Amino acid sequence: MIQYIKRNDLEEKKYNSCIDKAVQSRIFAFSWYLDIVADHWDVLVLGDYKAVMPIPWRKKFGIKYVYPPFWLLELGVFSSDETVDINAFFNVLFDNFKAVETRLNTDYSAQESIHFLVAKQMQSLSMKEGYETVFKGFRKDRRKDLRKAENAFLIEKWNDNAEKLISLFKENVGLRTPNIVNKDYDILRNLMQICVEKGVGEVLSVYNKENKLVASGFFLKHKSVVTILVSSTDFNHRKNGENTFLIDRAIFKFQKNYHVFNFGGSSMKSIANYFLSFGAQTQNYQQITYNNLPFLVKLLKR
């Protein structure tokens, strides 16, 4: 039986143990991570935490709805038992929420077409064979970028100040994504600090020979996977392969202890092609997009 468990009533130790042992284990699903990034969240729980589905939610016009928080890339159902019926969770989810938008993860894919599931893509790179093998898979334009970076004397700096990354992002990527507001940056700041303290996050910055910050990224580490959570370049300094150098240096460092480099991904063709040029492969996942609100409420929600 699947139960709806409120966050305050959650048996946290059992929940986190389920996430840790799950076939689909993701850092984004741990209670401490969700406590930071989600306004509110509850959980659908099968049996004695045999399987769980965390649900971030908000309330508007007195109606609770499931939403995708910033800085959270994958969720879904988590269990060590691959035979768990995920569709049963969907039924309970829609009994409790009339509007749902949430990402699943790349370890789940519906066998048949379901109207509320939207196909999405992300990109990941296998690092099992080591850096030299990975580098051979780089396309010519990535290798050209690295030669530019070398000639420009770009410098990598690990464990840089996270505030510099946030400022760089706000002044560049952030100007093109106005839906990211100050509260989201405050959450990101707190998230990066706690991830660094827990030893599951690292900042890498790239400086030019004038000691100007030209690229920076934050990387999450979980089991055998490293994921780019957020990154940015200085849009006025993108002629010397700054972003390629950033990713290359991250791959070089992490390939020693991790097997997969997750680009965080995009279904946008131009961004996806850039990630694929590092030798990455496309990973498919699905997003739940469900709206069973009354017609007038739908109009208000727009």
C-alpha atoms as a PDB file:
ATOM      1  CA  MET A   1       0.000   0.000   0.000  1.00  0.00           C
ATOM      2  CA  ILE A   2       1.243   3.470  -0.934  1.00  0.00           C
ATOM      3  CA  GLN A   3       0.762   6.136   1.725  1.00  0.00           C
ATOM      4  CA  TYR A   4       1.013   9.920   1.514  1.00  0.00           C
ATOM      5  CA  ILE A   5       3.471  10.937   4.268  1.00  0.00           C
ATOM      6  CA  LYS A   6       3.957  14.574   5.232  1.00  0.00           C
ATOM      7  CA  ARG A   7       7.541  15.792   5.623  1.00  0.00           C
ATOM      8  CA  ASN A   8       7.130  16.306   9.375  1.00  0.00           C
ATOM      9  CA  ASP A   9       5.928  12.718   9.802  1.00  0.00           C
ATOM     10  CA  LEU A  10       8.659  11.172   7.665  1.00  0.00           C
ATOM     11  CA  GLU A  11      10.885   8.489   9.179  1.00  0.00           C
ATOM     12  CA  GLU A  12      13.955  10.243   7.897  1.00  0.00           C
ATOM     13  CA  LYS A  13      16.484   7.495   8.535  1.00  0.00           C
ATOM     14  CA  LYS A  14      14.407   4.906   6.661  1.00  0.00           C
ATOM     15  CA  TYR A  15      13.683   7.357   3.862  1.00  0.00           C
ATOM     16  CA  ASN A  16      17.327   8.299   3.284  1.00  0.00           C
ATOM     17  CA  SER A  17      18.359   4.645   3.497  1.00  0.00           C
ATOM     18  CA  CYS A  18      15.883   3.880   0.719  1.00  0.00           C
ATOM     19  CA  ILE A  19      17.326   6.679  -1.425  1.00  0.00           C
ATOM     20  CA  ASP A  20      20.901   5.563  -0.769  1.00  0.00           C
ATOM     21  CA  LYS A  21      20.257   1.903  -1.647  1.00  0.00           C
ATOM     22  CA  ALA A  22      17.935   2.571  -4.567  1.00  0.00           C
ATOM     23  CA  VAL A  23      18.806   1.473  -8.072  1.00  0.00           C
ATOM     24  CA  GLN A  24      17.958   5.027  -9.111  1.00  0.00           C
ATOM     25  CA  SER A  25      19.822   6.721  -6.239  1.00  0.00           C
ATOM     26  CA  ARG A  26      20.262  10.461  -6.801  1.00  0.00           C
ATOM     27  CA  ILE A  27      21.712  13.120  -4.521  1.00  0.00           C
ATOM     28  CA  PHE A  28      18.709  15.353  -5.311  1.00  0.00           C
ATOM     29  CA  ALA A  29      16.320  13.022  -3.433  1.00  0.00           C
ATOM     30  CA  PHE A  30      17.962  13.023   0.002  1.00  0.00           C
ATOM     31  CA  SER A  31      15.974  14.784   2.707  1.00  0.00           C
ATOM     32  CA  TRP A  32      18.680  17.363   3.419  1.00  0.00           C
ATOM     33  CA  TYR A  33      18.833  18.353  -0.261  1.00  0.00           C
ATOM     34  CA  LEU A  34      15.065  18.693  -0.625  1.00  0.00           C
ATOM     35  CA  ASP A  35      14.876  20.661   2.631  1.00  0.00           C
ATOM     36  CA  ILE A  36      17.108  23.271   1.005  1.00  0.00           C
ATOM     37  CA  VAL A  37      15.671  23.558  -2.501  1.00  0.00           C
ATOM     38  CA  ALA A  38      11.925  22.895  -2.090  1.00  0.00           C
ATOM     39  CA  ASP A  39       9.358  25.272  -0.609  1.00  0.00           C
ATOM     40  CA  HIS A  40       7.526  22.230   0.773  1.00  0.00           C
ATOM     41  CA  TRP A  41       7.825  18.524   0.102  1.00  0.00           C
ATOM     42  CA  ASP A  42       6.092  15.336   1.131  1.00  0.00           C
ATOM     43  CA  VAL A  43       6.576  11.695   0.131  1.00  0.00           C
ATOM     44  CA  LEU A  44       4.612   8.786  -1.282  1.00  0.00           C
ATOM     45  CA  VAL A  45       5.812   5.686   0.591  1.00  0.00           C
ATOM     46  CA  LEU A  46       5.290   2.045  -0.358  1.00  0.00           C
ATOM     47  CA  GLY A  47       5.103  -0.309   2.632  1.00  0.00           C
ATOM     48  CA  ASP A  48       7.876   0.149   5.164  1.00  0.00           C
ATOM     49  CA  TYR A  49       9.903   2.448   2.891  1.00  0.00           C
ATOM     50  CA  LYS A  50      10.318  -0.236   0.238  1.00  0.00           C
ATOM     51  CA  ALA A  51       9.952   2.525  -2.361  1.00  0.00           C
ATOM     52  CA  VAL A  52       9.512   6.292  -2.092  1.00  0.00           C
ATOM     53  CA  MET A  53       8.544   9.199  -4.320  1.00  0.00           C
ATOM     54  CA  PRO A  54       9.431  12.668  -2.992  1.00  0.00           C
ATOM     55  CA  ILE A  55       7.001  15.415  -4.032  1.00  0.00           C
ATOM     56  CA  PRO A  56       7.976  19.132  -3.957  1.00  0.00           C
ATOM     57  CA  TRP A  57       4.857  21.287  -3.747  1.00  0.00           C
ATOM     58  CA  ARG A  58       3.540  24.809  -3.471  1.00  0.00           C
ATOM     59  CA  LYS A  59       0.134  26.352  -2.877  1.00  0.00           C
ATOM     60  CA  LYS A  60      -1.581  29.010  -4.967  1.00  0.00           C
ATOM     61  CA  PHE A  61      -5.180  30.216  -4.737  1.00  0.00           C
ATOM     62  CA  GLY A  62      -5.588  27.657  -1.953  1.00  0.00           C
ATOM     63  CA  ILE A  63      -4.633  24.794  -4.299  1.00  0.00           C
ATOM     64  CA  LYS A  64      -1.569  22.593  -3.759  1.00  0.00           C
ATOM     65  CA  TYR A  65       0.396  21.668  -6.868  1.00  0.00           C
ATOM     66  CA  VAL A  66       3.641  19.825  -7.602  1.00  0.00           C
ATOM     67  CA  TYR A  67       6.402  21.967  -9.120  1.00  0.00           C
ATOM     68  CA  PRO A  68      10.051  21.549 -10.231  1.00  0.00           C
ATOM     69  CA  PRO A  69      12.386  23.504  -7.894  1.00  0.00           C
ATOM     70  CA  PHE A  70      15.472  25.131  -9.343  1.00  0.00           C
ATOM     71  CA  TRP A  71      18.731  23.268  -8.704  1.00  0.00           C
ATOM     72  CA  LEU A  72      16.971  19.890  -8.737  1.00  0.00           C
ATOM     73  CA  LEU A  73      17.591  17.840 -11.866  1.00  0.00           C
ATOM     74  CA  GLU A  74      16.063  14.397 -11.280  1.00  0.00           C
ATOM     75  CA  LEU A  75      13.467  12.865  -8.985  1.00  0.00           C
ATOM     76  CA  GLY A  76      10.918  10.082  -9.495  1.00  0.00           C
ATOM     77  CA  VAL A  77      10.398   6.798  -7.652  1.00  0.00           C
ATOM     78  CA  PHE A  78      13.309   5.284  -5.731  1.00  0.00           C
ATOM     79  CA  SER A  79      13.675   1.658  -4.668  1.00  0.00           C
ATOM     80  CA  SER A  80      16.211  -1.164  -4.513  1.00  0.00           C
ATOM     81  CA  ASP A  81      13.507  -3.389  -6.054  1.00  0.00           C
ATOM     82  CA  GLU A  82      13.370  -2.948  -9.821  1.00  0.00           C
ATOM     83  CA  THR A  83       9.981  -4.684 -10.013  1.00  0.00           C
ATOM     84  CA  VAL A  84       8.117  -1.947  -8.114  1.00  0.00           C
ATOM     85  CA  ASP A  85       5.089  -0.706 -10.066  1.00  0.00           C
ATOM     86  CA  ILE A  86       5.858   2.960 -10.674  1.00  0.00           C
ATOM     87  CA  ASN A  87       2.501   3.570 -12.336  1.00  0.00           C
ATOM     88  CA  ALA A  88       0.806   2.860  -8.993  1.00  0.00           C
ATOM     89  CA  PHE A  89       2.620   5.910  -7.587  1.00  0.00           C
ATOM     90  CA  PHE A  90       1.253   8.049 -10.397  1.00  0.00           C
ATOM     91  CA  ASN A  91      -2.296   7.078  -9.475  1.00  0.00           C
ATOM     92  CA  VAL A  92      -1.804   8.133  -5.847  1.00  0.00           C
ATOM     93  CA  LEU A  93      -0.012  11.293  -6.930  1.00  0.00           C
ATOM     94  CA  PHE A  94      -2.946  12.414  -9.090  1.00  0.00           C
ATOM     95  CA  ASP A  95      -5.404  11.585  -6.318  1.00  0.00           C
ATOM     96  CA  ASN A  96      -3.617  14.154  -4.150  1.00  0.00           C
ATOM     97  CA  PHE A  97      -2.675  16.816  -6.702  1.00  0.00           C
ATOM     98  CA  LYS A  98      -4.657  18.147  -9.649  1.00  0.00           C
ATOM     99  CA  ALA A  99      -1.614  19.857 -11.188  1.00  0.00           C
ATOM    100  CA  VAL A 100       1.800  18.205 -11.401  1.00  0.00           C
ATOM    101  CA  GLU A 101       5.069  19.165 -13.059  1.00  0.00           C
ATOM    102  CA  THR A 102       8.054  17.110 -11.968  1.00  0.00           C
ATOM    103  CA  ARG A 103      11.012  15.348 -13.519  1.00  0.00           C
ATOM    104  CA  LEU A 104      11.592  11.639 -13.363  1.00  0.00           C
ATOM    105  CA  ASN A 105      15.089  10.166 -13.764  1.00  0.00           C
ATOM    106  CA  THR A 106      16.951   8.423 -16.551  1.00  0.00           C
ATOM    107  CA  ASP A 107      16.528   5.020 -14.872  1.00  0.00           C
ATOM    108  CA  TYR A 108      12.796   5.042 -15.592  1.00  0.00           C
ATOM    109  CA  SER A 109      11.130   5.020 -18.989  1.00  0.00           C
ATOM    110  CA  ALA A 110       7.485   4.163 -19.650  1.00  0.00           C
ATOM    111  CA  GLN A 111       7.052   1.152 -21.877  1.00  0.00           C
ATOM    112  CA  GLU A 112       4.014   2.658 -23.543  1.00  0.00           C
ATOM    113  CA  SER A 113       2.986   6.165 -24.453  1.00  0.00           C
ATOM    114  CA  ILE A 114       1.314   7.919 -21.517  1.00  0.00           C
ATOM    115  CA  HIS A 115      -0.295  11.295 -22.185  1.00  0.00           C
ATOM    116  CA  PHE A 116       1.075  13.021 -19.065  1.00  0.00           C
ATOM    117  CA  LEU A 117       4.705  12.011 -19.703  1.00  0.00           C
ATOM    118  CA  VAL A 118       6.808  14.379 -21.814  1.00  0.00           C
ATOM    119  CA  ALA A 119      10.060  13.127 -23.361  1.00  0.00           C
ATOM    120  CA  LYS A 120      13.218  15.004 -22.347  1.00  0.00           C
ATOM    121  CA  GLN A 121      16.938  14.494 -22.824  1.00  0.00           C
ATOM    122  CA  MET A 122      20.182  14.974 -20.956  1.00  0.00           C
ATOM    123  CA  GLN A 123      23.749  14.066 -21.785  1.00  0.00           C
ATOM    124  CA  SER A 124      26.296  12.001 -19.892  1.00  0.00           C
ATOM    125  CA  LEU A 125      29.824  10.800 -20.499  1.00  0.00           C
ATOM    126  CA  SER A 126      31.421   7.514 -19.464  1.00  0.00           C
ATOM    127  CA  MET A 127      34.820   8.047 -17.799  1.00  0.00           C
ATOM    128  CA  LYS A 128      35.487   4.386 -16.964  1.00  0.00           C
ATOM    129  CA  GLU A 129      38.306   4.037 -19.486  1.00  0.00           C
ATOM    130  CA  GLY A 130      40.247   7.028 -18.171  1.00  0.00           C
ATOM    131  CA  TYR A 131      41.049  10.494 -19.421  1.00  0.00           C
ATOM    132  CA  GLU A 132      43.121   9.542 -22.473  1.00  0.00           C
ATOM    133  CA  THR A 133      40.258   7.478 -23.878  1.00  0.00           C
ATOM    134  CA  VAL A 134      37.749  10.225 -23.096  1.00  0.00           C
ATOM    135  CA  PHE A 135      39.945  12.826 -24.780  1.00  0.00           C
ATOM    136  CA  LYS A 136      40.089  10.734 -27.967  1.00  0.00           C
ATOM    137  CA  GLY A 137      36.318  11.073 -28.124  1.00  0.00           C
ATOM    138  CA  PHE A 138      36.437  14.891 -28.126  1.00  0.00           C
ATOM    139  CA  ARG A 139      35.406  16.402 -31.451  1.00  0.00           C
ATOM    140  CA  LYS A 140      37.791  18.658 -33.370  1.00  0.00           C
ATOM    141  CA  ASP A 141      36.201  21.887 -32.162  1.00  0.00           C
ATOM    142  CA  ARG A 142      36.677  20.880 -28.512  1.00  0.00           C
ATOM    143  CA  ARG A 143      40.337  20.076 -29.132  1.00  0.00           C
ATOM    144  CA  LYS A 144      40.707  23.392 -30.947  1.00  0.00           C
ATOM    145  CA  ASP A 145      39.214  25.157 -27.915  1.00  0.00           C
ATOM    146  CA  LEU A 146      41.725  23.470 -25.625  1.00  0.00           C
ATOM    147  CA  ARG A 147      44.607  24.638 -27.786  1.00  0.00           C
ATOM    148  CA  LYS A 148      43.230  28.186 -27.552  1.00  0.00           C
ATOM    149  CA  ALA A 149      42.971  27.824 -23.778  1.00  0.00           C
ATOM    150  CA  GLU A 150      46.569  26.682 -23.559  1.00  0.00           C
ATOM    151  CA  ASN A 151      47.789  29.575 -25.698  1.00  0.00           C
ATOM    152  CA  ALA A 152      45.721  32.003 -23.576  1.00  0.00           C
ATOM    153  CA  PHE A 153      47.335  30.632 -20.379  1.00  0.00           C
ATOM    154  CA  LEU A 154      44.019  29.932 -18.682  1.00  0.00           C
ATOM    155  CA  ILE A 155      44.343  28.834 -15.062  1.00  0.00           C
ATOM    156  CA  GLU A 156      42.143  26.371 -13.147  1.00  0.00           C
ATOM    157  CA  LYS A 157      41.365  27.036  -9.486  1.00  0.00           C
ATOM    158  CA  TRP A 158      39.574  24.444  -7.368  1.00  0.00           C
ATOM    159  CA  ASN A 159      37.678  25.264  -4.163  1.00  0.00           C
ATOM    160  CA  ASP A 160      37.193  28.844  -5.252  1.00  0.00           C
ATOM    161  CA  ASN A 161      34.702  31.123  -3.516  1.00  0.00           C
ATOM    162  CA  ALA A 162      31.175  30.000  -4.439  1.00  0.00           C
ATOM    163  CA  GLU A 163      29.978  33.604  -4.280  1.00  0.00           C
ATOM    164  CA  LYS A 164      32.105  34.378  -7.329  1.00  0.00           C
ATOM    165  CA  LEU A 165      30.291  31.687  -9.290  1.00  0.00           C
ATOM    166  CA  ILE A 166      26.896  33.056  -8.258  1.00  0.00           C
ATOM    167  CA  SER A 167      27.894  36.583  -9.306  1.00  0.00           C
ATOM    168  CA  LEU A 168      29.251  35.348 -12.640  1.00  0.00           C
ATOM    169  CA  PHE A 169      26.056  33.391 -13.275  1.00  0.00           C
ATOM    170  CA  LYS A 170      23.758  36.302 -12.335  1.00  0.00           C
ATOM    171  CA  GLU A 171      25.642  38.742 -14.541  1.00  0.00           C
ATOM    172  CA  ASN A 172      25.613  36.440 -17.570  1.00  0.00           C
ATOM    173  CA  VAL A 173      23.269  33.435 -17.716  1.00  0.00           C
ATOM    174  CA  GLY A 174      20.942  35.031 -15.170  1.00  0.00           C
ATOM    175  CA  LEU A 175      20.256  38.042 -17.377  1.00  0.00           C
ATOM    176  CA  ARG A 176      18.844  35.662 -19.981  1.00  0.00           C
ATOM    177  CA  THR A 177      16.762  33.723 -17.452  1.00  0.00           C
ATOM    178  CA  PRO A 178      14.711  36.361 -15.585  1.00  0.00           C
ATOM    179  CA  ASN A 179      12.542  33.664 -13.986  1.00  0.00           C
ATOM    180  CA  ILE A 180      15.458  32.990 -11.623  1.00  0.00           C
ATOM    181  CA  VAL A 181      14.904  35.462  -8.770  1.00  0.00           C
ATOM    182  CA  ASN A 182      16.965  36.489  -5.737  1.00  0.00           C
ATOM    183  CA  LYS A 183      15.374  33.798  -3.566  1.00  0.00           C
ATOM    184  CA  ASP A 184      16.658  31.135  -5.980  1.00  0.00           C
ATOM    185  CA  TYR A 185      20.191  32.506  -5.695  1.00  0.00           C
ATOM    186  CA  ASP A 186      19.919  32.491  -1.898  1.00  0.00           C
ATOM    187  CA  ILE A 187      18.900  28.834  -2.071  1.00  0.00           C
ATOM    188  CA  LEU A 188      21.799  28.064  -4.400  1.00  0.00           C
ATOM    189  CA  ARG A 189      24.224  29.812  -2.062  1.00  0.00           C
ATOM    190  CA  ASN A 190      23.025  27.761   0.897  1.00  0.00           C
ATOM    191  CA  LEU A 191      22.991  24.563  -1.145  1.00  0.00           C
ATOM    192  CA  MET A 192      26.572  24.959  -2.335  1.00  0.00           C
ATOM    193  CA  GLN A 193      27.794  25.727   1.175  1.00  0.00           C
ATOM    194  CA  ILE A 194      26.177  22.611   2.639  1.00  0.00           C
ATOM    195  CA  CYS A 195      27.298  20.397  -0.248  1.00  0.00           C
ATOM    196  CA  VAL A 196      30.886  21.546   0.224  1.00  0.00           C
ATOM    197  CA  GLU A 197      30.637  20.923   3.977  1.00  0.00           C
ATOM    198  CA  LYS A 198      29.305  17.416   3.317  1.00  0.00           C
ATOM    199  CA  GLY A 199      32.082  16.734   0.819  1.00  0.00           C
ATOM    200  CA  VAL A 200      29.668  16.172  -2.061  1.00  0.00           C
ATOM    201  CA  GLY A 201      30.220  19.422  -3.976  1.00  0.00           C
ATOM    202  CA  GLU A 202      33.179  21.286  -5.476  1.00  0.00           C
ATOM    203  CA  VAL A 203      33.673  24.634  -7.188  1.00  0.00           C
ATOM    204  CA  LEU A 204      36.036  24.992 -10.137  1.00  0.00           C
ATOM    205  CA  SER A 205      36.902  28.426 -11.498  1.00  0.00           C
ATOM    206  CA  VAL A 206      38.888  29.446 -14.560  1.00  0.00           C
ATOM    207  CA  TYR A 207      40.918  32.672 -14.686  1.00  0.00           C
ATOM    208  CA  ASN A 208      42.680  34.307 -17.603  1.00  0.00           C
ATOM    209  CA  LYS A 209      46.235  35.639 -17.504  1.00  0.00           C
ATOM    210  CA  GLU A 210      44.908  38.997 -16.249  1.00  0.00           C
ATOM    211  CA  ASN A 211      43.481  37.094 -13.255  1.00  0.00           C
ATOM    212  CA  LYS A 212      39.913  37.772 -14.361  1.00  0.00           C
ATOM    213  CA  LEU A 213      37.279  35.119 -13.652  1.00  0.00           C
ATOM    214  CA  VAL A 214      36.073  33.879 -17.048  1.00  0.00           C
ATOM    215  CA  ALA A 215      34.288  30.610 -16.185  1.00  0.00           C
ATOM    216  CA  SER A 216      33.105  28.733 -13.119  1.00  0.00           C
ATOM    217  CA  GLY A 217      31.062  25.666 -12.270  1.00  0.00           C
ATOM    218  CA  PHE A 218      29.716  23.698  -9.322  1.00  0.00           C
ATOM    219  CA  PHE A 219      29.907  19.909  -9.415  1.00  0.00           C
ATOM    220  CA  LEU A 220      27.909  17.436  -7.345  1.00  0.00           C
ATOM    221  CA  LYS A 221      29.392  14.044  -6.437  1.00  0.00           C
ATOM    222  CA  HIS A 222      27.252  11.008  -5.640  1.00  0.00           C
ATOM    223  CA  LYS A 223      28.374   7.387  -5.758  1.00  0.00           C
ATOM    224  CA  SER A 224      29.983   6.927  -9.212  1.00  0.00           C
ATOM    225  CA  VAL A 225      28.485  10.050 -10.821  1.00  0.00           C
ATOM    226  CA  VAL A 226      29.602  13.681 -11.058  1.00  0.00           C
ATOM    227  CA  THR A 227      26.996  16.219 -12.196  1.00  0.00           C
ATOM    228  CA  ILE A 228      27.316  19.832 -13.293  1.00  0.00           C
ATOM    229  CA  LEU A 229      24.686  21.601 -11.219  1.00  0.00           C
ATOM    230  CA  VAL A 230      25.376  25.149 -12.378  1.00  0.00           C
ATOM    231  CA  SER A 231      28.028  26.836 -14.493  1.00  0.00           C
ATOM    232  CA  SER A 232      28.652  30.028 -16.410  1.00  0.00           C
ATOM    233  CA  THR A 233      31.189  31.821 -18.504  1.00  0.00           C
ATOM    234  CA  ASP A 234      31.801  35.550 -18.816  1.00  0.00           C
ATOM    235  CA  PHE A 235      29.963  36.276 -22.077  1.00  0.00           C
ATOM    236  CA  ASN A 236      32.529  38.970 -22.872  1.00  0.00           C
ATOM    237  CA  HIS A 237      35.377  36.469 -22.635  1.00  0.00           C
ATOM    238  CA  ARG A 238      34.434  33.388 -24.646  1.00  0.00           C
ATOM    239  CA  LYS A 239      37.001  33.381 -27.434  1.00  0.00           C
ATOM    240  CA  ASN A 240      39.647  31.199 -25.834  1.00  0.00           C
ATOM    241  CA  GLY A 241      37.728  28.012 -25.079  1.00  0.00           C
ATOM    242  CA  GLU A 242      36.969  29.006 -21.493  1.00  0.00           C
ATOM    243  CA  ASN A 243      33.968  26.711 -21.014  1.00  0.00           C
ATOM    244  CA  THR A 244      35.602  23.786 -22.799  1.00  0.00           C
ATOM    245  CA  PHE A 245      38.649  24.204 -20.572  1.00  0.00           C
ATOM    246  CA  LEU A 246      36.410  24.222 -17.474  1.00  0.00           C
ATOM    247  CA  ILE A 247      34.702  20.960 -18.434  1.00  0.00           C
ATOM    248  CA  ASP A 248      37.935  19.314 -19.569  1.00  0.00           C
ATOM    249  CA  ARG A 249      39.667  20.071 -16.267  1.00  0.00           C
ATOM    250  CA  ALA A 250      36.681  18.724 -14.325  1.00  0.00           C
ATOM    251  CA  ILE A 251      36.691  15.511 -16.361  1.00  0.00           C
ATOM    252  CA  PHE A 252      40.447  15.159 -15.862  1.00  0.00           C
ATOM    253  CA  LYS A 253      40.096  15.426 -12.086  1.00  0.00           C
ATOM    254  CA  PHE A 254      36.971  13.366 -11.531  1.00  0.00           C
ATOM    255  CA  GLN A 255      37.728  10.481 -13.912  1.00  0.00           C
ATOM    256  CA  LYS A 256      40.132   9.088 -11.323  1.00  0.00           C
ATOM    257  CA  ASN A 257      37.353   8.310  -8.840  1.00  0.00           C
ATOM    258  CA  TYR A 258      34.056   8.491 -10.758  1.00  0.00           C
ATOM    259  CA  HIS A 259      32.664   6.612 -13.743  1.00  0.00           C
ATOM    260  CA  VAL A 260      30.071   9.000 -15.173  1.00  0.00           C
ATOM    261  CA  PHE A 261      30.140  12.719 -15.924  1.00  0.00           C
ATOM    262  CA  ASN A 262      26.595  14.091 -16.104  1.00  0.00           C
ATOM    263  CA  PHE A 263      26.245  17.359 -17.977  1.00  0.00           C
ATOM    264  CA  GLY A 264      22.933  18.130 -16.300  1.00  0.00           C
ATOM    265  CA  GLY A 265      21.636  18.066 -19.800  1.00  0.00           C
ATOM    266  CA  SER A 266      19.371  19.868 -22.136  1.00  0.00           C
ATOM    267  CA  SER A 267      16.726  19.054 -24.721  1.00  0.00           C
ATOM    268  CA  MET A 268      17.767  22.221 -26.598  1.00  0.00           C
ATOM    269  CA  LYS A 269      19.580  21.047 -29.709  1.00  0.00           C
ATOM    270  CA  SER A 270      22.409  23.607 -29.622  1.00  0.00           C
ATOM    271  CA  ILE A 271      23.274  22.939 -25.976  1.00  0.00           C
ATOM    272  CA  ALA A 272      22.884  19.179 -26.370  1.00  0.00           C
ATOM    273  CA  ASN A 273      25.216  19.177 -29.396  1.00  0.00           C
ATOM    274  CA  TYR A 274      27.842  21.044 -27.391  1.00  0.00           C
ATOM    275  CA  PHE A 275      27.757  18.433 -24.634  1.00  0.00           C
ATOM    276  CA  LEU A 276      27.773  15.615 -27.187  1.00  0.00           C
ATOM    277  CA  SER A 277      30.944  17.092 -28.706  1.00  0.00           C
ATOM    278  CA  PHE A 278      32.803  15.871 -25.610  1.00  0.00           C
ATOM    279  CA  GLY A 279      31.907  12.310 -26.585  1.00  0.00           C
ATOM    280  CA  ALA A 280      28.825  12.238 -24.356  1.00  0.00           C
ATOM    281  CA  GLN A 281      25.768  10.103 -25.062  1.00  0.00           C
ATOM    282  CA  THR A 282      22.111  11.099 -24.959  1.00  0.00           C
ATOM    283  CA  GLN A 283      20.105   9.870 -21.968  1.00  0.00           C
ATOM    284  CA  ASN A 284      16.319   9.937 -22.187  1.00  0.00           C
ATOM    285  CA  TYR A 285      14.080  10.763 -19.270  1.00  0.00           C
ATOM    286  CA  GLN A 286      10.502  11.904 -18.816  1.00  0.00           C
ATOM    287  CA  GLN A 287       8.735  14.759 -17.134  1.00  0.00           C
ATOM    288  CA  ILE A 288       5.277  14.494 -15.654  1.00  0.00           C
ATOM    289  CA  THR A 289       3.075  17.311 -16.937  1.00  0.00           C
ATOM    290  CA  TYR A 290      -0.451  16.870 -15.627  1.00  0.00           C
ATOM    291  CA  ASN A 291      -3.232  19.421 -15.192  1.00  0.00           C
ATOM    292  CA  ASN A 292      -6.688  18.434 -14.085  1.00  0.00           C
ATOM    293  CA  LEU A 293      -7.625  21.769 -12.570  1.00  0.00           C
ATOM    294  CA  PRO A 294     -11.062  23.297 -13.206  1.00  0.00           C
ATOM    295  CA  PHE A 295     -11.102  25.486 -16.333  1.00  0.00           C
ATOM    296  CA  LEU A 296     -11.329  28.822 -14.508  1.00  0.00           C
ATOM    297  CA  VAL A 297      -8.472  27.889 -12.189  1.00  0.00           C
ATOM    298  CA  LYS A 298      -6.334  26.974 -15.193  1.00  0.00           C
ATOM    299  CA  LEU A 299      -6.875  30.489 -16.520  1.00  0.00           C
ATOM    300  CA  LEU A 300      -5.799  32.024 -13.211  1.00  0.00           C
ATOM    301  CA  LYS A 301      -2.713  29.806 -13.012  1.00  0.00           C
ATOM    302  CA  ARG A 302      -1.340  31.090 -16.310  1.00  0.00           C
END
